[in-house]
Protein backbone atom coordinates (compact mmCIF):
# COMPACT_ATOMS: atom_id res chain seq x y z
CA MET A 1 44.03 74.33 -201.15
CA ILE A 2 47.87 73.94 -200.70
CA TYR A 3 48.09 72.82 -204.36
CA ILE A 4 46.14 75.49 -205.12
CA PHE A 5 48.62 77.98 -203.76
CA PHE A 6 51.39 76.00 -205.38
CA LEU A 7 50.07 76.87 -208.62
CA LEU A 8 49.22 80.32 -208.41
CA PHE A 9 52.87 80.63 -206.89
CA ILE A 10 54.05 79.34 -209.92
CA LEU A 11 51.89 80.98 -211.66
CA GLY A 12 52.78 84.35 -210.29
CA THR A 13 56.50 83.93 -210.55
CA CYS A 14 56.32 82.88 -214.33
CA LEU A 15 54.34 86.68 -214.81
CA GLY A 16 57.10 88.03 -212.93
CA SER A 17 59.91 86.73 -214.95
CA PHE A 18 57.80 87.51 -217.91
CA ILE A 19 57.12 90.89 -217.23
CA SER A 20 60.88 91.77 -216.24
CA CYS A 21 61.93 90.45 -219.39
CA VAL A 22 59.62 92.56 -221.06
CA ALA A 23 60.58 95.85 -219.27
CA TYR A 24 64.20 94.95 -219.71
CA ARG A 25 63.82 94.23 -223.66
CA TYR A 26 61.68 97.85 -223.99
CA LYS A 27 64.93 99.23 -222.53
CA LEU A 28 67.35 97.56 -225.14
CA GLY A 29 64.41 98.26 -227.77
CA ILE A 30 64.30 94.95 -229.04
CA SER A 31 61.58 92.51 -229.61
CA ILE A 32 60.00 90.47 -226.69
CA ILE A 33 60.08 87.34 -229.08
CA TYR A 34 63.45 87.48 -230.45
CA PRO A 35 66.07 86.66 -229.62
CA ARG A 36 65.97 84.56 -227.10
CA SER A 37 66.88 85.27 -223.44
CA PHE A 38 70.76 86.01 -222.93
CA CYS A 39 73.34 86.97 -220.27
CA ASP A 40 73.60 90.74 -219.78
CA ASN A 41 77.21 90.47 -219.76
CA CYS A 42 78.36 87.72 -221.85
CA SER A 43 75.30 87.74 -224.73
CA GLN A 44 75.45 84.10 -224.33
CA THR A 45 72.32 82.54 -224.93
CA LEU A 46 70.36 81.03 -221.45
CA GLN A 47 69.26 77.46 -221.53
CA HIS A 48 65.64 76.42 -220.41
CA TRP A 49 66.87 75.46 -216.83
CA GLN A 50 68.39 78.86 -216.51
CA LEU A 51 65.11 80.36 -217.19
CA ILE A 52 63.01 78.70 -214.44
CA PRO A 53 62.07 81.61 -211.99
CA ILE A 54 63.69 81.54 -208.85
CA ILE A 55 65.15 77.99 -209.19
CA GLY A 56 67.25 79.14 -212.34
CA PHE A 57 69.04 81.83 -209.89
CA ILE A 58 69.27 79.63 -207.06
CA LEU A 59 70.96 76.59 -209.56
CA GLN A 60 73.13 79.29 -210.59
CA LYS A 61 74.08 80.33 -207.27
CA GLY A 62 73.12 84.19 -208.72
CA LYS A 63 75.92 84.01 -211.18
CA CYS A 64 75.75 83.41 -214.87
CA HIS A 65 76.70 79.76 -215.81
CA PHE A 66 78.85 80.99 -218.47
CA CYS A 67 80.68 84.22 -217.75
CA LYS A 68 80.65 83.45 -213.56
CA GLN A 69 78.96 87.25 -213.54
CA LYS A 70 76.51 88.39 -210.74
CA ILE A 71 73.04 88.19 -211.84
CA PRO A 72 71.03 91.16 -210.86
CA LEU A 73 68.33 90.13 -207.97
CA SER A 74 65.51 92.52 -209.02
CA SER A 75 63.90 90.01 -211.41
CA THR A 76 64.11 86.92 -209.03
CA VAL A 77 62.81 89.49 -206.15
CA ILE A 78 60.07 90.68 -208.54
CA GLU A 79 58.75 87.09 -209.81
CA LEU A 80 59.38 86.26 -205.57
CA ALA A 81 56.94 89.13 -204.97
CA ILE A 82 54.05 88.46 -207.72
CA GLY A 83 54.06 84.90 -206.55
CA VAL A 84 53.58 85.76 -202.75
CA ILE A 85 51.01 88.29 -204.27
CA PHE A 86 48.95 85.84 -206.10
CA ILE A 87 48.77 83.37 -202.80
CA PHE A 88 47.89 87.04 -200.83
CA ASN A 89 45.14 87.73 -202.95
CA THR A 90 43.74 84.35 -203.31
CA ILE A 91 43.35 84.17 -199.27
CA ILE A 92 41.65 87.80 -198.72
CA ILE A 93 39.69 88.57 -202.05
CA ALA A 94 36.53 87.14 -203.45
CA ASN A 95 36.82 84.79 -206.89
CA THR A 96 35.24 88.09 -208.44
CA ASN A 97 37.70 90.33 -207.80
CA LEU A 98 41.04 88.10 -208.08
CA ILE A 99 41.73 87.79 -211.49
CA PHE A 100 41.20 91.90 -211.63
CA THR A 101 43.53 92.36 -208.62
CA SER A 102 46.02 90.27 -209.97
CA LEU A 103 45.97 91.66 -213.36
CA LEU A 104 46.17 95.39 -211.64
CA VAL A 105 49.24 94.19 -209.78
CA VAL A 106 50.87 92.60 -212.84
CA TRP A 107 50.06 95.86 -215.05
CA LEU A 108 50.97 98.31 -212.49
CA THR A 109 54.73 96.21 -212.35
CA LEU A 110 55.07 96.21 -215.76
CA ILE A 111 54.66 100.34 -216.68
CA SER A 112 56.74 100.97 -213.39
CA LEU A 113 59.47 99.11 -214.46
CA GLU A 114 59.68 100.23 -217.73
CA ASP A 115 59.67 104.07 -216.21
CA TYR A 116 61.88 103.12 -214.03
CA TYR A 117 64.78 101.74 -216.77
CA THR A 118 63.61 104.80 -219.26
CA LEU A 119 61.78 107.48 -218.04
CA SER A 120 59.03 106.40 -220.43
CA VAL A 121 56.41 103.89 -220.94
CA ASP A 122 54.95 101.90 -223.65
CA LEU A 123 51.60 104.01 -224.82
CA ILE A 124 49.94 100.45 -226.19
CA THR A 125 50.64 98.70 -223.27
CA LEU A 126 49.60 101.70 -220.49
CA GLU A 127 46.48 102.45 -222.62
CA TYR A 128 44.89 98.85 -223.69
CA GLY A 129 46.10 97.32 -220.12
CA GLY A 130 44.45 99.97 -218.63
CA LEU A 131 41.47 99.73 -221.21
CA ILE A 132 41.11 96.25 -220.19
CA LEU A 133 40.83 96.16 -216.42
CA LEU A 134 38.36 99.19 -216.66
CA ILE A 135 36.36 96.87 -218.59
CA PHE A 136 36.46 94.05 -215.89
CA ARG A 137 35.37 96.91 -213.57
CA PHE A 138 32.69 98.67 -215.94
CA HIS A 139 30.17 99.11 -213.10
CA THR A 140 32.64 100.99 -210.88
CA VAL A 141 33.91 103.25 -213.71
CA ILE A 142 30.18 104.29 -214.47
CA THR A 143 29.62 104.58 -210.81
CA ASN A 144 32.60 107.05 -210.26
CA LEU A 145 31.66 109.07 -213.49
CA LYS A 146 28.20 109.67 -212.54
CA ALA A 147 29.25 110.68 -208.90
CA ASN A 148 32.54 113.44 -210.11
CA PHE A 149 31.70 113.52 -213.52
CA LEU A 150 31.85 117.49 -213.99
CA ILE A 151 35.00 117.77 -211.17
CA ILE A 152 36.93 114.33 -213.21
CA ILE A 153 36.89 116.52 -216.68
CA LEU A 154 37.79 119.84 -214.78
CA PHE A 155 40.55 118.05 -213.27
CA THR A 156 41.55 116.10 -216.56
CA ILE A 157 41.66 119.48 -218.44
CA ILE A 158 44.23 120.33 -216.25
CA LEU A 159 45.94 117.64 -216.04
CA ILE A 160 46.61 117.42 -219.90
CA SER A 161 47.53 121.06 -219.73
CA CYS A 162 50.26 120.70 -217.51
CA ASN A 163 51.57 117.86 -220.02
CA LEU A 164 51.04 119.95 -222.97
CA LEU A 165 53.26 122.63 -220.93
CA ASN A 166 55.78 119.81 -220.22
CA LYS A 167 54.94 120.38 -216.23
CA PHE A 168 53.65 116.65 -216.51
CA GLY A 169 54.43 113.36 -218.47
CA THR A 170 51.78 111.74 -220.70
CA ALA A 171 52.14 108.21 -219.21
CA ASP A 172 51.54 109.98 -215.40
CA THR A 173 48.22 111.98 -217.13
CA ILE A 174 46.91 108.51 -218.07
CA LEU A 175 47.68 106.69 -215.06
CA ILE A 176 45.90 109.61 -212.90
CA VAL A 177 43.11 109.27 -215.10
CA PHE A 178 42.61 105.56 -215.07
CA SER A 179 42.87 106.36 -211.24
CA PHE A 180 39.99 108.47 -211.32
CA LEU A 181 37.86 106.03 -213.39
CA LEU A 182 39.12 103.15 -211.15
CA LEU A 183 39.14 104.39 -207.64
CA GLY A 184 36.91 107.90 -207.51
CA PHE A 185 38.13 111.44 -207.47
CA TYR A 186 38.83 112.07 -204.07
CA ASN A 187 40.55 108.71 -203.68
CA THR A 188 42.84 109.31 -206.50
CA LEU A 189 43.36 113.05 -204.63
CA VAL A 190 44.97 110.80 -201.99
CA VAL A 191 46.93 108.66 -204.62
CA ILE A 192 48.77 111.87 -205.63
CA LEU A 193 49.19 113.19 -202.38
CA LEU A 194 50.76 109.93 -201.60
CA SER A 195 52.87 109.82 -204.84
CA CYS A 196 54.55 112.90 -203.92
CA ILE A 197 55.35 111.92 -200.39
CA LEU A 198 56.99 108.83 -201.75
CA GLY A 199 59.09 110.65 -204.28
CA ILE A 200 59.83 113.34 -202.15
CA ILE A 201 61.16 110.27 -199.46
CA SER A 202 63.41 108.83 -202.62
CA TYR A 203 64.68 112.08 -203.41
CA LEU A 204 65.91 112.78 -200.03
CA ILE A 205 67.04 109.44 -199.69
CA LYS A 206 69.21 109.37 -203.21
CA ARG A 207 70.17 112.95 -202.96
CA ASP A 208 70.47 113.49 -206.41
CA PHE A 209 68.38 116.49 -207.11
CA SER A 210 69.59 116.71 -210.56
CA ALA A 211 68.56 113.66 -212.30
CA SER A 212 64.93 112.83 -213.68
CA HIS A 213 63.31 110.27 -211.54
CA PRO A 214 60.63 108.09 -212.52
CA PHE A 215 57.16 108.98 -211.21
CA ILE A 216 55.12 106.09 -212.61
CA PRO A 217 56.52 103.48 -209.83
CA TYR A 218 55.00 106.02 -206.82
CA LEU A 219 51.52 106.62 -208.60
CA SER A 220 51.28 102.82 -209.02
CA LEU A 221 52.38 101.78 -205.36
CA SER A 222 49.92 104.32 -204.28
CA ILE A 223 47.01 103.16 -206.45
CA LEU A 224 47.69 99.99 -205.15
CA ILE A 225 47.64 100.55 -201.65
CA ILE A 226 44.06 102.95 -201.85
CA PHE A 227 42.73 100.20 -203.89
CA TYR A 228 43.35 97.62 -201.58
CA ALA A 229 42.55 99.61 -198.34
CA THR A 230 39.28 100.74 -199.99
CA ASN A 231 38.00 97.56 -201.65
CA ILE A 232 39.50 94.56 -199.88
CA PHE A 233 40.01 96.12 -196.39
CA LYS A 234 37.34 98.79 -196.75
CA ILE A 235 38.79 101.32 -194.90
CA PRO A 236 36.75 104.60 -195.62
CA ILE A 237 39.41 106.61 -197.23
CA ASN A 238 36.92 108.41 -199.75
CA ARG A 239 34.44 110.85 -198.60
CA VAL A 240 30.59 110.12 -198.58
CA GLY A 241 28.79 109.85 -202.02
CA ASP A 242 32.40 108.86 -203.93
CA ASN A 243 32.59 105.09 -204.91
């Protein structure tokens, strides 16, 4: 079993490194394929050993091998976090939900990083990633639609109207609709409330009320909290009749 945990940790760190790279390149507006990875400070092309998740950071002692500039810790933290989450998922989740939950974590982390860097999200990543995940949980989607079809449609119309009035972002709207289909209407209301609370806390900590702040990271974290609570730990947050 220890070998499985080790392999899953390696897989998680590699995916964490990949999504960090994708999000950063999205920020720079360059391809995820070309050019090869490079130092942010000196633009020197990185060697293969420098790209090994976590280990590359340790071997370089947290500094670029070429220019000795400090390497941002964020990518390494994400690599470690995704690796640990993959092990955690393996311990507590049945095989049928393991792949879905792990992909959900990776997808939400990616779009959160993109929003954090640029206050925007690649709609292809957002829409197709969400669609693939919903297909994984097709039965849950159908159940939630049957239980709350009219109220979900009404709330979606309200969200779209807010979006057209520039009161709400397109990516935020799409992610909330995704939450409706995955978690159900009432659980999604909890997601929105929790997201707003997290956003307010962030505002108070940063004390920068003039600047725009990304909302996708708060939505993503809230979706994961409610998903784990209701689907993994079976905490009855939702109302009776809402699945």
